[in-house]
């Protein structure tokens, strides 16, 4: 028992050395290994062995990261105050640069995403921001990818998620939309009246050319009037040119 108690510290030290020597990395992880402070290379995935006390490693995840861009107060090109948030999709392409070239690539990417969002949105007017979302997303992605490339980061996509407008601006846009709908309704009504006038003119021309056509139309109108439910209708048919003859006799 005493021998076992004396061996416990040595066993504890051996376990610690083994834990610091043998590392297992999953398929999507890489290890950036330093030996006495100098970079020795990238290892993994799978089982790797480190020299205890001499080699150290930094574990890097290569999967695509989804990062939310917090809501930013932005003034558009036409001086409208907005609140805009978004999301960035990026991954580590070069683990060595991600550790050596930048202190904290996650925080740096978050900060540059916020700054770029404010800068790009401020170059567009409100109507363009609302209607050209794809163009803005593409521009954000290109700028962020260029800025993070020296850090070994690849920005795959940027999306503007929500655009919050002031209450006054929402009311003004609602009035504008209502006025636009009224304008379209009046234009459509005017176009209908114009087409109807063309058709009436064509009908009058045909009736004028066919003398019996007006009589047939007159009889058809009488039939429609007499078809009422439970009504008695009395007709006094007169020749079409009756009044014309009376007027001519008076002269």
C-alpha atoms as a PDB file:
ATOM      1  CA  UNK A   1       0.000   0.000   0.000  1.00  0.00           C
ATOM      2  CA  UNK A   2       2.847   2.323   0.857  1.00  0.00           C
ATOM      3  CA  UNK A   3       4.496   1.558  -2.487  1.00  0.00           C
ATOM      4  CA  UNK A   4       1.252   2.370  -4.284  1.00  0.00           C
ATOM      5  CA  UNK A   5       1.007   5.707  -2.478  1.00  0.00           C
ATOM      6  CA  UNK A   6       4.571   6.567  -3.429  1.00  0.00           C
ATOM      7  CA  UNK A   7       3.886   5.676  -7.057  1.00  0.00           C
ATOM      8  CA  UNK A   8       0.757   7.853  -7.334  1.00  0.00           C
ATOM      9  CA  UNK A   9       2.622  11.137  -8.042  1.00  0.00           C
ATOM     10  CA  UNK A  10       4.636   9.451 -10.779  1.00  0.00           C
ATOM     11  CA  UNK A  11       1.485   7.949 -12.297  1.00  0.00           C
ATOM     12  CA  UNK A  12      -0.190  11.340 -12.185  1.00  0.00           C
ATOM     13  CA  UNK A  13       2.782  12.917 -13.988  1.00  0.00           C
ATOM     14  CA  UNK A  14       2.782  10.167 -16.623  1.00  0.00           C
ATOM     15  CA  UNK A  15      -0.943  10.666 -17.282  1.00  0.00           C
ATOM     16  CA  UNK A  16      -0.427  14.415 -17.724  1.00  0.00           C
ATOM     17  CA  UNK A  17       2.489  13.822 -20.127  1.00  0.00           C
ATOM     18  CA  UNK A  18       0.415  11.387 -22.184  1.00  0.00           C
ATOM     19  CA  UNK A  19      -2.501  13.827 -22.308  1.00  0.00           C
ATOM     20  CA  UNK A  20      -0.184  16.583 -23.537  1.00  0.00           C
ATOM     21  CA  UNK A  21       1.556  14.297 -26.008  1.00  0.00           C
ATOM     22  CA  UNK A  22      -1.297  12.537 -27.793  1.00  0.00           C
ATOM     23  CA  UNK A  23      -3.977  14.640 -29.483  1.00  0.00           C
ATOM     24  CA  UNK A  24      -6.850  13.517 -31.692  1.00  0.00           C
ATOM     25  CA  UNK A  25      -8.286  15.901 -34.301  1.00  0.00           C
ATOM     26  CA  UNK A  26     -11.566  15.367 -36.107  1.00  0.00           C
ATOM     27  CA  UNK A  27     -11.865  15.593 -39.897  1.00  0.00           C
ATOM     28  CA  UNK A  28     -12.788  19.298 -39.873  1.00  0.00           C
ATOM     29  CA  UNK A  29      -9.970  20.360 -37.500  1.00  0.00           C
ATOM     30  CA  UNK A  30      -6.313  21.226 -38.021  1.00  0.00           C
ATOM     31  CA  UNK A  31      -3.502  21.853 -35.544  1.00  0.00           C
ATOM     32  CA  UNK A  32      -1.028  24.721 -35.941  1.00  0.00           C
ATOM     33  CA  UNK A  33       2.055  23.397 -34.121  1.00  0.00           C
ATOM     34  CA  UNK A  34       4.787  25.552 -32.537  1.00  0.00           C
ATOM     35  CA  UNK A  35       8.121  24.164 -31.327  1.00  0.00           C
ATOM     36  CA  UNK A  36       9.854  26.424 -28.820  1.00  0.00           C
ATOM     37  CA  UNK A  37       7.824  29.311 -30.259  1.00  0.00           C
ATOM     38  CA  UNK A  38       8.605  28.604 -33.915  1.00  0.00           C
ATOM     39  CA  UNK A  39       6.012  27.395 -36.388  1.00  0.00           C
ATOM     40  CA  UNK A  40       6.651  23.819 -37.507  1.00  0.00           C
ATOM     41  CA  UNK A  41       3.606  23.259 -39.717  1.00  0.00           C
ATOM     42  CA  UNK A  42       0.010  22.144 -39.883  1.00  0.00           C
ATOM     43  CA  UNK A  43      -0.989  18.692 -38.645  1.00  0.00           C
ATOM     44  CA  UNK A  44      -4.162  16.654 -38.680  1.00  0.00           C
ATOM     45  CA  UNK A  45      -6.726  15.315 -38.892  1.00  0.00           C
ATOM     46  CA  UNK A  46      -6.407  12.146 -36.826  1.00  0.00           C
ATOM     47  CA  UNK A  47      -3.828  11.233 -34.209  1.00  0.00           C
ATOM     48  CA  UNK A  48      -0.884  13.582 -33.686  1.00  0.00           C
ATOM     49  CA  UNK A  49       1.951  13.390 -31.201  1.00  0.00           C
ATOM     50  CA  UNK A  50       3.517  16.427 -29.539  1.00  0.00           C
ATOM     51  CA  UNK A  51       6.780  16.677 -27.620  1.00  0.00           C
ATOM     52  CA  UNK A  52       5.743  17.548 -24.049  1.00  0.00           C
ATOM     53  CA  UNK A  53       7.004  20.942 -22.869  1.00  0.00           C
ATOM     54  CA  UNK A  54       8.530  21.714 -26.259  1.00  0.00           C
ATOM     55  CA  UNK A  55       5.670  21.675 -28.741  1.00  0.00           C
ATOM     56  CA  UNK A  56       2.324  23.437 -28.426  1.00  0.00           C
ATOM     57  CA  UNK A  57      -0.605  23.516 -30.784  1.00  0.00           C
ATOM     58  CA  UNK A  58      -3.576  25.754 -31.670  1.00  0.00           C
ATOM     59  CA  UNK A  59      -6.699  23.943 -32.793  1.00  0.00           C
ATOM     60  CA  UNK A  60      -8.495  25.482 -35.812  1.00  0.00           C
ATOM     61  CA  UNK A  61     -12.019  24.641 -36.999  1.00  0.00           C
ATOM     62  CA  UNK A  62     -12.339  24.614 -40.826  1.00  0.00           C
ATOM     63  CA  UNK A  63     -16.152  24.510 -40.985  1.00  0.00           C
ATOM     64  CA  UNK A  64     -18.175  27.452 -42.283  1.00  0.00           C
ATOM     65  CA  UNK A  65     -19.074  29.869 -39.510  1.00  0.00           C
ATOM     66  CA  UNK A  66     -22.346  31.826 -39.336  1.00  0.00           C
ATOM     67  CA  UNK A  67     -21.781  35.216 -37.713  1.00  0.00           C
ATOM     68  CA  UNK A  68     -24.543  37.712 -36.991  1.00  0.00           C
ATOM     69  CA  UNK A  69     -23.829  41.388 -37.659  1.00  0.00           C
ATOM     70  CA  UNK A  70     -25.502  43.399 -34.865  1.00  0.00           C
ATOM     71  CA  UNK A  71     -27.996  46.112 -35.816  1.00  0.00           C
ATOM     72  CA  UNK A  72     -26.137  49.202 -37.048  1.00  0.00           C
ATOM     73  CA  UNK A  73     -27.346  52.826 -37.122  1.00  0.00           C
ATOM     74  CA  UNK A  74     -26.745  53.966 -40.698  1.00  0.00           C
ATOM     75  CA  UNK A  75     -27.538  57.144 -42.640  1.00  0.00           C
ATOM     76  CA  UNK A  76     -28.342  56.447 -46.283  1.00  0.00           C
ATOM     77  CA  UNK A  77     -27.193  58.563 -49.218  1.00  0.00           C
ATOM     78  CA  UNK A  78     -30.471  60.535 -49.146  1.00  0.00           C
ATOM     79  CA  UNK A  79     -30.104  61.215 -45.380  1.00  0.00           C
ATOM     80  CA  UNK A  80     -32.544  58.628 -44.032  1.00  0.00           C
ATOM     81  CA  UNK A  81     -31.651  57.044 -40.680  1.00  0.00           C
ATOM     82  CA  UNK A  82     -31.863  53.241 -40.743  1.00  0.00           C
ATOM     83  CA  UNK A  83     -31.151  50.271 -38.518  1.00  0.00           C
ATOM     84  CA  UNK A  84     -29.639  47.417 -40.524  1.00  0.00           C
ATOM     85  CA  UNK A  85     -28.370  44.003 -39.444  1.00  0.00           C
ATOM     86  CA  UNK A  86     -26.995  41.092 -41.387  1.00  0.00           C
ATOM     87  CA  UNK A  87     -25.181  37.772 -41.373  1.00  0.00           C
ATOM     88  CA  UNK A  88     -21.742  36.694 -42.637  1.00  0.00           C
ATOM     89  CA  UNK A  89     -20.726  33.185 -43.711  1.00  0.00           C
ATOM     90  CA  UNK A  90     -16.983  32.535 -43.634  1.00  0.00           C
ATOM     91  CA  UNK A  91     -14.451  29.765 -43.068  1.00  0.00           C
ATOM     92  CA  UNK A  92     -10.730  29.403 -42.384  1.00  0.00           C
ATOM     93  CA  UNK A  93      -8.882  28.481 -45.578  1.00  0.00           C
ATOM     94  CA  UNK A  94      -5.322  28.886 -44.302  1.00  0.00           C
ATOM     95  CA  UNK A  95      -4.929  27.918 -40.606  1.00  0.00           C
ATOM     96  CA  UNK A  96      -1.349  29.174 -40.567  1.00  0.00           C
ATOM     97  CA  UNK A  97      -2.321  32.738 -41.581  1.00  0.00           C
ATOM     98  CA  UNK A  98      -5.353  32.700 -39.274  1.00  0.00           C
ATOM     99  CA  UNK A  99      -3.007  32.213 -36.297  1.00  0.00           C
ATOM    100  CA  UNK A 100       0.115  34.116 -37.403  1.00  0.00           C
ATOM    101  CA  UNK A 101      -1.301  37.083 -39.351  1.00  0.00           C
ATOM    102  CA  UNK A 102      -4.071  38.165 -36.957  1.00  0.00           C
ATOM    103  CA  UNK A 103      -4.453  38.039 -33.185  1.00  0.00           C
ATOM    104  CA  UNK A 104      -8.119  36.994 -33.167  1.00  0.00           C
ATOM    105  CA  UNK A 105      -9.571  36.309 -36.628  1.00  0.00           C
ATOM    106  CA  UNK A 106     -13.105  35.876 -35.258  1.00  0.00           C
ATOM    107  CA  UNK A 107     -13.231  39.292 -33.562  1.00  0.00           C
ATOM    108  CA  UNK A 108     -11.437  40.969 -36.477  1.00  0.00           C
ATOM    109  CA  UNK A 109     -13.916  39.554 -39.002  1.00  0.00           C
ATOM    110  CA  UNK A 110     -16.839  40.705 -36.845  1.00  0.00           C
ATOM    111  CA  UNK A 111     -15.487  44.258 -36.587  1.00  0.00           C
ATOM    112  CA  UNK A 112     -14.646  44.581 -40.281  1.00  0.00           C
ATOM    113  CA  UNK A 113     -18.114  43.233 -41.171  1.00  0.00           C
ATOM    114  CA  UNK A 114     -19.827  45.926 -39.091  1.00  0.00           C
ATOM    115  CA  UNK A 115     -17.661  48.686 -40.549  1.00  0.00           C
ATOM    116  CA  UNK A 116     -18.165  47.497 -44.131  1.00  0.00           C
ATOM    117  CA  UNK A 117     -21.928  47.214 -43.658  1.00  0.00           C
ATOM    118  CA  UNK A 118     -22.165  50.845 -42.504  1.00  0.00           C
ATOM    119  CA  UNK A 119     -19.891  52.034 -45.305  1.00  0.00           C
ATOM    120  CA  UNK A 120     -21.636  50.202 -48.158  1.00  0.00           C
ATOM    121  CA  UNK A 121     -25.231  50.904 -47.071  1.00  0.00           C
ATOM    122  CA  UNK A 122     -24.368  54.589 -46.751  1.00  0.00           C
ATOM    123  CA  UNK A 123     -23.526  54.711 -50.463  1.00  0.00           C
ATOM    124  CA  UNK A 124     -27.108  53.869 -51.533  1.00  0.00           C
ATOM    125  CA  UNK A 125     -30.384  55.748 -51.382  1.00  0.00           C
ATOM    126  CA  UNK A 126     -33.345  54.310 -49.486  1.00  0.00           C
ATOM    127  CA  UNK A 127     -35.189  53.066 -52.577  1.00  0.00           C
ATOM    128  CA  UNK A 128     -32.025  51.331 -53.805  1.00  0.00           C
ATOM    129  CA  UNK A 129     -31.451  49.699 -50.403  1.00  0.00           C
ATOM    130  CA  UNK A 130     -34.968  48.262 -50.427  1.00  0.00           C
ATOM    131  CA  UNK A 131     -35.000  47.145 -54.082  1.00  0.00           C
ATOM    132  CA  UNK A 132     -31.367  46.200 -54.823  1.00  0.00           C
ATOM    133  CA  UNK A 133     -30.670  43.821 -51.936  1.00  0.00           C
ATOM    134  CA  UNK A 134     -28.795  41.314 -54.120  1.00  0.00           C
ATOM    135  CA  UNK A 135     -26.462  44.012 -55.456  1.00  0.00           C
ATOM    136  CA  UNK A 136     -25.659  45.211 -51.933  1.00  0.00           C
ATOM    137  CA  UNK A 137     -25.046  41.644 -50.702  1.00  0.00           C
ATOM    138  CA  UNK A 138     -22.639  40.954 -53.577  1.00  0.00           C
ATOM    139  CA  UNK A 139     -20.720  44.171 -52.952  1.00  0.00           C
ATOM    140  CA  UNK A 140     -20.428  43.408 -49.231  1.00  0.00           C
ATOM    141  CA  UNK A 141     -19.167  39.891 -49.954  1.00  0.00           C
ATOM    142  CA  UNK A 142     -16.479  41.096 -52.395  1.00  0.00           C
ATOM    143  CA  UNK A 143     -15.181  43.805 -50.041  1.00  0.00           C
ATOM    144  CA  UNK A 144     -15.088  41.555 -46.976  1.00  0.00           C
ATOM    145  CA  UNK A 145     -13.404  38.739 -48.893  1.00  0.00           C
ATOM    146  CA  UNK A 146     -10.660  41.085 -50.100  1.00  0.00           C
ATOM    147  CA  UNK A 147     -10.054  42.467 -46.607  1.00  0.00           C
ATOM    148  CA  UNK A 148      -9.947  39.098 -44.828  1.00  0.00           C
ATOM    149  CA  UNK A 149      -7.922  37.210 -47.449  1.00  0.00           C
ATOM    150  CA  UNK A 150      -4.540  38.162 -45.859  1.00  0.00           C
ATOM    151  CA  UNK A 151      -5.778  36.489 -42.656  1.00  0.00           C
ATOM    152  CA  UNK A 152      -6.512  33.183 -44.384  1.00  0.00           C
ATOM    153  CA  UNK A 153     -10.271  33.747 -44.154  1.00  0.00           C
ATOM    154  CA  UNK A 154     -12.705  33.101 -47.019  1.00  0.00           C
ATOM    155  CA  UNK A 155     -16.006  35.008 -46.891  1.00  0.00           C
ATOM    156  CA  UNK A 156     -18.503  32.923 -48.866  1.00  0.00           C
ATOM    157  CA  UNK A 157     -21.652  35.050 -48.483  1.00  0.00           C
ATOM    158  CA  UNK A 158     -23.050  38.165 -46.820  1.00  0.00           C
ATOM    159  CA  UNK A 159     -26.784  38.806 -46.400  1.00  0.00           C
ATOM    160  CA  UNK A 160     -28.632  41.900 -45.193  1.00  0.00           C
ATOM    161  CA  UNK A 161     -31.324  40.453 -42.924  1.00  0.00           C
ATOM    162  CA  UNK A 162     -33.540  43.317 -41.747  1.00  0.00           C
ATOM    163  CA  UNK A 163     -33.921  47.029 -42.468  1.00  0.00           C
ATOM    164  CA  UNK A 164     -35.801  49.004 -39.795  1.00  0.00           C
ATOM    165  CA  UNK A 165     -37.234  52.378 -40.848  1.00  0.00           C
ATOM    166  CA  UNK A 166     -38.409  55.214 -38.557  1.00  0.00           C
ATOM    167  CA  UNK A 167     -42.164  55.368 -37.947  1.00  0.00           C
ATOM    168  CA  UNK A 168     -42.431  58.692 -39.813  1.00  0.00           C
ATOM    169  CA  UNK A 169     -40.738  57.198 -42.866  1.00  0.00           C
ATOM    170  CA  UNK A 170     -43.012  54.132 -42.768  1.00  0.00           C
ATOM    171  CA  UNK A 171     -46.075  56.393 -42.770  1.00  0.00           C
ATOM    172  CA  UNK A 172     -44.699  58.484 -45.639  1.00  0.00           C
ATOM    173  CA  UNK A 173     -43.981  55.346 -47.684  1.00  0.00           C
ATOM    174  CA  UNK A 174     -47.486  54.032 -46.977  1.00  0.00           C
ATOM    175  CA  UNK A 175     -49.002  57.297 -48.254  1.00  0.00           C
ATOM    176  CA  UNK A 176     -46.762  57.154 -51.321  1.00  0.00           C
ATOM    177  CA  UNK A 177     -47.820  53.579 -52.059  1.00  0.00           C
ATOM    178  CA  UNK A 178     -51.499  54.505 -51.646  1.00  0.00           C
ATOM    179  CA  UNK A 179     -51.115  57.466 -53.993  1.00  0.00           C
ATOM    180  CA  UNK A 180     -49.367  55.232 -56.524  1.00  0.00           C
ATOM    181  CA  UNK A 181     -52.234  52.720 -56.396  1.00  0.00           C
ATOM    182  CA  UNK A 182     -54.802  55.529 -56.880  1.00  0.00           C
ATOM    183  CA  UNK A 183     -52.815  56.805 -59.843  1.00  0.00           C
ATOM    184  CA  UNK A 184     -52.762  53.359 -61.484  1.00  0.00           C
ATOM    185  CA  UNK A 185     -56.512  52.952 -60.855  1.00  0.00           C
ATOM    186  CA  UNK A 186     -57.297  56.278 -62.535  1.00  0.00           C
ATOM    187  CA  UNK A 187     -55.045  55.484 -65.500  1.00  0.00           C
ATOM    188  CA  UNK A 188     -56.705  52.073 -65.959  1.00  0.00           C
ATOM    189  CA  UNK A 189     -60.170  53.682 -65.728  1.00  0.00           C
ATOM    190  CA  UNK A 190     -59.229  56.327 -68.309  1.00  0.00           C
ATOM    191  CA  UNK A 191     -57.870  53.660 -70.645  1.00  0.00           C
ATOM    192  CA  UNK A 192     -61.142  51.752 -70.289  1.00  0.00           C
ATOM    193  CA  UNK A 193     -63.172  54.866 -71.143  1.00  0.00           C
ATOM    194  CA  UNK A 194     -60.971  55.480 -74.189  1.00  0.00           C
ATOM    195  CA  UNK A 195     -61.399  51.935 -75.472  1.00  0.00           C
ATOM    196  CA  UNK A 196     -65.148  52.113 -74.821  1.00  0.00           C
ATOM    197  CA  UNK A 197     -65.415  55.333 -76.837  1.00  0.00           C
ATOM    198  CA  UNK A 198     -63.645  53.656 -79.757  1.00  0.00           C
ATOM    199  CA  UNK A 199     -66.090  50.747 -79.629  1.00  0.00           C
ATOM    200  CA  UNK A 200     -69.107  53.077 -79.415  1.00  0.00           C
ATOM    201  CA  UNK A 201     -67.851  55.040 -82.400  1.00  0.00           C
ATOM    202  CA  UNK A 202     -67.483  51.814 -84.386  1.00  0.00           C
ATOM    203  CA  UNK A 203     -70.986  50.708 -83.358  1.00  0.00           C
ATOM    204  CA  UNK A 204     -72.495  54.065 -84.394  1.00  0.00           C
ATOM    205  CA  UNK A 205     -70.761  53.811 -87.749  1.00  0.00           C
ATOM    206  CA  UNK A 206     -72.163  50.326 -88.373  1.00  0.00           C
ATOM    207  CA  UNK A 207     -75.693  51.354 -87.317  1.00  0.00           C
ATOM    208  CA  UNK A 208     -75.522  54.348 -89.613  1.00  0.00           C
ATOM    209  CA  UNK A 209     -74.523  52.189 -92.559  1.00  0.00           C
ATOM    210  CA  UNK A 210     -77.174  49.487 -91.926  1.00  0.00           C
ATOM    211  CA  UNK A 211     -80.653  51.064 -91.805  1.00  0.00           C
ATOM    212  CA  UNK A 212     -82.384  47.968 -90.394  1.00  0.00           C
ATOM    213  CA  UNK A 213     -79.773  47.494 -87.663  1.00  0.00           C
ATOM    214  CA  UNK A 214     -81.139  50.343 -85.530  1.00  0.00           C
ATOM    215  CA  UNK A 215     -84.626  48.840 -85.717  1.00  0.00           C
ATOM    216  CA  UNK A 216     -83.342  45.458 -84.567  1.00  0.00           C
ATOM    217  CA  UNK A 217     -81.476  47.129 -81.732  1.00  0.00           C
ATOM    218  CA  UNK A 218     -84.640  49.021 -80.774  1.00  0.00           C
ATOM    219  CA  UNK A 219     -86.661  45.795 -80.651  1.00  0.00           C
ATOM    220  CA  UNK A 220     -83.967  44.038 -78.613  1.00  0.00           C
ATOM    221  CA  UNK A 221     -84.006  46.902 -76.107  1.00  0.00           C
ATOM    222  CA  UNK A 222     -87.818  46.596 -75.804  1.00  0.00           C
ATOM    223  CA  UNK A 223     -87.459  42.887 -75.101  1.00  0.00           C
ATOM    224  CA  UNK A 224     -84.953  43.528 -72.322  1.00  0.00           C
ATOM    225  CA  UNK A 225     -87.196  46.157 -70.690  1.00  0.00           C
ATOM    226  CA  UNK A 226     -90.281  43.933 -70.814  1.00  0.00           C
ATOM    227  CA  UNK A 227     -88.424  41.045 -69.163  1.00  0.00           C
ATOM    228  CA  UNK A 228     -88.716  42.576 -65.683  1.00  0.00           C
ATOM    229  CA  UNK A 229     -90.167  40.475 -62.850  1.00  0.00           C
ATOM    230  CA  UNK A 230     -93.840  41.260 -62.160  1.00  0.00           C
ATOM    231  CA  UNK A 231     -93.800  44.576 -64.010  1.00  0.00           C
ATOM    232  CA  UNK A 232     -96.187  45.876 -66.648  1.00  0.00           C
ATOM    233  CA  UNK A 233     -94.586  47.952 -69.345  1.00  0.00           C
ATOM    234  CA  UNK A 234     -96.447  49.834 -72.078  1.00  0.00           C
ATOM    235  CA  UNK A 235     -94.666  50.788 -75.289  1.00  0.00           C
ATOM    236  CA  UNK A 236     -95.585  53.485 -77.775  1.00  0.00           C
ATOM    237  CA  UNK A 237     -93.532  52.720 -80.848  1.00  0.00           C
ATOM    238  CA  UNK A 238     -92.794  55.716 -83.039  1.00  0.00           C
ATOM    239  CA  UNK A 239     -90.802  55.910 -86.212  1.00  0.00           C
ATOM    240  CA  UNK A 240     -87.234  56.925 -85.713  1.00  0.00           C
ATOM    241  CA  UNK A 241     -87.615  59.968 -88.000  1.00  0.00           C
ATOM    242  CA  UNK A 242     -90.977  61.047 -86.503  1.00  0.00           C
ATOM    243  CA  UNK A 243     -89.687  64.114 -84.701  1.00  0.00           C
ATOM    244  CA  UNK A 244     -87.539  65.039 -87.668  1.00  0.00           C
ATOM    245  CA  UNK A 245     -90.618  65.184 -89.899  1.00  0.00           C
ATOM    246  CA  UNK A 246     -92.550  67.358 -87.426  1.00  0.00           C
ATOM    247  CA  UNK A 247     -89.692  69.830 -87.139  1.00  0.00           C
ATOM    248  CA  UNK A 248     -89.383  70.038 -90.913  1.00  0.00           C
ATOM    249  CA  UNK A 249     -93.170  70.760 -91.276  1.00  0.00           C
ATOM    250  CA  UNK A 250     -92.957  73.634 -88.782  1.00  0.00           C
ATOM    251  CA  UNK A 251     -90.270  75.250 -90.846  1.00  0.00           C
END
